[in-house]
Amino acid sequence: MRELYRQDLAQLGIELEHMSHHVHRAISRAVEALREGDLTIAEQTIDADERLDDAARSIDEMCVGLLALQGPVASDLRLILAALRLSQTMERQGDLARHLALIARSTYPAQSIAPDAGPLLTRMGEQAVLMGRLQDELVSTQDLEIAARLQDEDDVLDDLQVQVRKLVVDPDLDLTRSQIIDLVLAARFLERFGDHAVSVARRVAYIVEGADAPDEEGIHPRL
């Protein structure tokens, strides 16, 4: 029985790694769809979100089963409790990637982002993709140096969003209302993706060290 329990715990870790990998792929595709105005990639990203939802449900069911049947303690309990929150956080990251892809799809064949804002939003997208890659590495390795780096990279993403806000109110730029809405939303979704990557980092630190990992201020349940 205990051997089966250890196998279930190992499988839980594998499922978290798979989900993090798919989150990285989702944000990479979403950013590409937005940057290139690629309808096919946008559709693929939107469709893939359902698989992330399924993965989150599967992980949650595994965690509930382990809690109910095995009575885990200490480090095992930390892993299971953190996994419950990690699955929710990564599912929200998938939602954010989907939202970006929906922006790209909604304006096809025209570009969603105004040309004057394109370079800045591309930088935000590249930064979010970088954070997705680091998150993927962190979940696989549990290397807390990567967790610390994610916080630094999130500061960069926050600074870029501030630049987007300044760009939107620049009187020298002639942006339509639709362009303003798409730009502000896209920047917001990218910034929130970074916030959730930081949340993942804190959950992994909780697994490794047992330190408290409270809900981060400003991380809203469905964003």
Protein backbone atom coordinates (compact mmCIF):
# COMPACT_ATOMS: atom_id res chain seq x y z
CA MET A 1 0.00 0.00 0.00
CA ARG A 2 2.77 2.46 0.90
CA GLU A 3 4.59 1.64 -2.33
CA LEU A 4 1.45 2.55 -4.29
CA TYR A 5 1.24 5.74 -2.25
CA ARG A 6 4.81 6.68 -3.19
CA GLN A 7 4.01 5.99 -6.84
CA ASP A 8 0.95 8.25 -6.63
CA LEU A 9 3.04 11.05 -5.14
CA ALA A 10 5.61 10.68 -7.90
CA GLN A 11 2.86 10.75 -10.51
CA LEU A 12 1.50 13.92 -8.94
CA GLY A 13 4.86 15.59 -9.44
CA ILE A 14 4.97 14.41 -13.04
CA GLU A 15 1.50 15.80 -13.72
CA LEU A 16 2.51 19.19 -12.32
CA GLU A 17 5.58 19.21 -14.57
CA HIS A 18 3.46 18.37 -17.61
CA MET A 19 0.98 21.12 -16.80
CA SER A 20 3.72 23.70 -16.35
CA HIS A 21 5.21 22.67 -19.68
CA HIS A 22 1.87 23.19 -21.40
CA VAL A 23 1.46 26.59 -19.73
CA HIS A 24 4.80 27.66 -21.20
CA ARG A 25 3.72 26.43 -24.60
CA ALA A 26 0.37 28.23 -24.29
CA ILE A 27 1.86 31.62 -23.49
CA SER A 28 4.48 31.19 -26.23
CA ARG A 29 1.79 30.47 -28.81
CA ALA A 30 -0.49 33.23 -27.56
CA VAL A 31 2.27 35.81 -27.82
CA GLU A 32 3.16 34.60 -31.31
CA ALA A 33 -0.48 34.76 -32.41
CA LEU A 34 -0.79 38.31 -31.10
CA ARG A 35 2.50 39.46 -32.61
CA GLU A 36 2.02 37.86 -36.03
CA GLY A 37 -1.75 38.05 -36.29
CA ASP A 38 -1.72 34.29 -36.91
CA LEU A 39 -5.26 32.91 -36.81
CA THR A 40 -4.19 29.25 -36.85
CA ILE A 41 -1.95 29.62 -33.81
CA ALA A 42 -4.63 31.65 -32.04
CA GLU A 43 -7.15 28.87 -32.59
CA GLN A 44 -4.70 26.24 -31.40
CA THR A 45 -4.05 28.21 -28.22
CA ILE A 46 -7.77 28.63 -27.55
CA ASP A 47 -8.44 24.92 -28.07
CA ALA A 48 -5.49 23.90 -25.89
CA ASP A 49 -6.92 25.75 -22.89
CA GLU A 50 -9.51 23.02 -22.45
CA ARG A 51 -6.73 20.47 -22.00
CA LEU A 52 -5.17 22.63 -19.31
CA ASP A 53 -8.54 22.76 -17.56
CA ASP A 54 -8.72 18.96 -17.72
CA ALA A 55 -5.18 18.68 -16.33
CA ALA A 56 -6.08 20.93 -13.40
CA ARG A 57 -9.13 18.82 -12.59
CA SER A 58 -7.09 15.63 -12.78
CA ILE A 59 -4.46 17.00 -10.40
CA ASP A 60 -7.12 18.18 -7.98
CA GLU A 61 -8.75 14.74 -7.98
CA MET A 62 -5.38 13.11 -7.31
CA CYS A 63 -4.75 15.45 -4.40
CA VAL A 64 -8.16 14.88 -2.85
CA GLY A 65 -7.71 11.12 -3.14
CA LEU A 66 -4.29 11.26 -1.46
CA LEU A 67 -5.60 13.44 1.35
CA ALA A 68 -8.66 11.29 1.93
CA LEU A 69 -7.08 7.85 1.72
CA GLN A 70 -3.46 8.17 2.79
CA GLY A 71 -3.30 10.70 5.64
CA PRO A 72 -0.02 12.26 4.44
CA VAL A 73 2.23 14.14 6.85
CA ALA A 74 5.15 16.62 6.72
CA SER A 75 6.73 17.09 3.29
CA ASP A 76 4.18 14.88 1.55
CA LEU A 77 1.36 17.00 2.92
CA ARG A 78 3.10 20.17 1.75
CA LEU A 79 3.41 18.76 -1.76
CA ILE A 80 -0.26 17.81 -1.94
CA LEU A 81 -1.55 21.10 -0.53
CA ALA A 82 0.73 23.11 -2.78
CA ALA A 83 -0.26 21.02 -5.80
CA LEU A 84 -3.90 21.95 -5.23
CA ARG A 85 -2.99 25.62 -5.46
CA LEU A 86 -0.47 25.17 -8.26
CA SER A 87 -3.04 23.51 -10.49
CA GLN A 88 -5.44 26.40 -9.95
CA THR A 89 -2.76 29.00 -10.62
CA MET A 90 -1.52 27.34 -13.79
CA GLU A 91 -5.09 26.88 -15.01
CA ARG A 92 -5.53 30.65 -14.68
CA GLN A 93 -2.32 31.19 -16.63
CA GLY A 94 -3.83 29.07 -19.38
CA ASP A 95 -6.93 31.28 -19.29
CA LEU A 96 -4.74 34.36 -19.71
CA ALA A 97 -3.01 32.82 -22.73
CA ARG A 98 -6.45 32.06 -24.16
CA HIS A 99 -7.56 35.66 -23.62
CA LEU A 100 -4.52 36.89 -25.57
CA ALA A 101 -5.32 34.49 -28.40
CA LEU A 102 -8.92 35.70 -28.44
CA ILE A 103 -7.68 39.25 -28.97
CA ALA A 104 -5.61 38.07 -31.92
CA ARG A 105 -8.57 36.18 -33.37
CA SER A 106 -11.09 38.98 -32.86
CA THR A 107 -9.36 41.40 -35.24
CA TYR A 108 -8.10 38.96 -37.88
CA PRO A 109 -6.94 39.60 -40.58
CA ALA A 110 -5.98 43.01 -39.17
CA GLN A 111 -3.31 43.25 -36.49
CA SER A 112 -4.78 43.59 -33.00
CA ILE A 113 -2.05 45.86 -31.68
CA ALA A 114 -1.42 49.28 -33.20
CA PRO A 115 1.94 49.50 -35.00
CA ASP A 116 3.18 52.25 -32.67
CA ALA A 117 2.58 49.97 -29.68
CA GLY A 118 3.82 46.78 -31.32
CA PRO A 119 7.48 46.88 -30.21
CA LEU A 120 6.59 47.58 -26.58
CA LEU A 121 3.96 44.86 -26.38
CA THR A 122 6.36 42.46 -28.10
CA ARG A 123 8.84 43.12 -25.30
CA MET A 124 6.12 42.36 -22.75
CA GLY A 125 5.26 39.17 -24.58
CA GLU A 126 8.88 38.04 -24.71
CA GLN A 127 9.20 38.72 -21.00
CA ALA A 128 6.10 36.67 -20.21
CA VAL A 129 7.40 33.80 -22.35
CA LEU A 130 10.71 33.96 -20.48
CA MET A 131 8.86 33.73 -17.18
CA GLY A 132 6.85 30.80 -18.49
CA ARG A 133 10.08 29.01 -19.38
CA LEU A 134 11.63 29.73 -15.98
CA GLN A 135 8.48 28.53 -14.27
CA ASP A 136 8.63 25.30 -16.25
CA GLU A 137 12.23 24.78 -15.15
CA LEU A 138 11.37 25.60 -11.55
CA VAL A 139 8.53 23.10 -11.31
CA SER A 140 10.79 20.40 -12.76
CA THR A 141 13.92 21.14 -10.69
CA GLN A 142 12.57 22.89 -7.57
CA ASP A 143 15.64 25.13 -7.79
CA LEU A 144 14.89 28.09 -5.54
CA GLU A 145 17.43 30.27 -7.34
CA ILE A 146 15.02 30.17 -10.27
CA ALA A 147 12.20 31.12 -7.90
CA ALA A 148 14.14 34.21 -6.84
CA ARG A 149 14.85 35.12 -10.46
CA LEU A 150 11.15 34.93 -11.30
CA GLN A 151 10.49 37.73 -8.84
CA ASP A 152 13.11 39.91 -10.54
CA GLU A 153 11.75 39.14 -13.99
CA ASP A 154 8.25 40.03 -12.80
CA ASP A 155 9.52 43.48 -11.82
CA VAL A 156 10.65 43.93 -15.43
CA LEU A 157 7.20 42.94 -16.68
CA ASP A 158 5.54 45.37 -14.28
CA ASP A 159 7.76 48.20 -15.53
CA LEU A 160 6.83 47.42 -19.12
CA GLN A 161 3.14 47.58 -18.26
CA VAL A 162 3.69 51.06 -16.80
CA GLN A 163 5.24 52.06 -20.12
CA VAL A 164 2.15 50.76 -21.93
CA ARG A 165 -0.06 52.92 -19.73
CA LYS A 166 2.00 55.97 -20.57
CA LEU A 167 1.84 55.09 -24.25
CA VAL A 168 -1.94 54.89 -24.19
CA VAL A 169 -2.32 58.46 -22.93
CA ASP A 170 0.34 59.91 -25.23
CA PRO A 171 -1.44 62.71 -27.14
CA ASP A 172 0.94 62.32 -30.08
CA LEU A 173 -0.36 58.82 -30.84
CA ASP A 174 -3.53 58.44 -32.86
CA LEU A 175 -5.07 55.23 -31.49
CA THR A 176 -8.64 54.12 -32.07
CA ARG A 177 -10.77 53.10 -29.13
CA SER A 178 -10.55 49.50 -30.22
CA GLN A 179 -6.77 49.66 -30.39
CA ILE A 180 -6.60 51.20 -26.93
CA ILE A 181 -8.83 48.49 -25.46
CA ASP A 182 -6.86 45.66 -27.08
CA LEU A 183 -3.54 47.14 -26.00
CA VAL A 184 -4.58 47.72 -22.40
CA LEU A 185 -6.14 44.27 -22.10
CA ALA A 186 -3.18 42.49 -23.68
CA ALA A 187 -0.75 44.27 -21.37
CA ARG A 188 -2.93 43.44 -18.38
CA PHE A 189 -3.13 39.75 -19.28
CA LEU A 190 0.65 39.54 -19.72
CA GLU A 191 1.28 41.32 -16.43
CA ARG A 192 -1.11 38.98 -14.60
CA PHE A 193 0.60 35.97 -16.16
CA GLY A 194 3.83 37.15 -14.54
CA ASP A 195 2.10 37.61 -11.19
CA HIS A 196 0.89 34.04 -11.30
CA ALA A 197 4.38 32.81 -12.16
CA VAL A 198 5.57 34.47 -8.95
CA SER A 199 2.75 32.71 -7.12
CA VAL A 200 3.99 29.40 -8.54
CA ALA A 201 7.50 30.24 -7.32
CA ARG A 202 6.22 30.82 -3.80
CA ARG A 203 4.28 27.56 -3.83
CA VAL A 204 7.37 25.65 -4.91
CA ALA A 205 9.35 27.33 -2.13
CA TYR A 206 6.66 26.11 0.27
CA ILE A 207 7.11 22.56 -0.98
CA VAL A 208 10.89 22.71 -0.61
CA GLU A 209 11.29 24.68 2.59
CA GLY A 210 7.93 24.52 4.34
CA ALA A 211 7.83 28.31 4.60
CA ASP A 212 4.45 29.95 4.67
CA ALA A 213 3.05 30.70 1.22
CA PRO A 214 0.08 33.02 1.76
CA ASP A 215 -2.12 34.24 -1.04
CA GLU A 216 -0.39 37.11 -2.78
CA GLU A 217 -2.07 40.48 -2.54
CA GLY A 218 -3.57 41.39 -5.87
CA ILE A 219 -3.80 37.82 -7.23
CA HIS A 220 -7.52 37.55 -7.87
CA PRO A 221 -9.26 34.18 -8.13
CA ARG A 222 -10.35 34.31 -11.78
CA LEU A 223 -7.74 36.56 -13.41
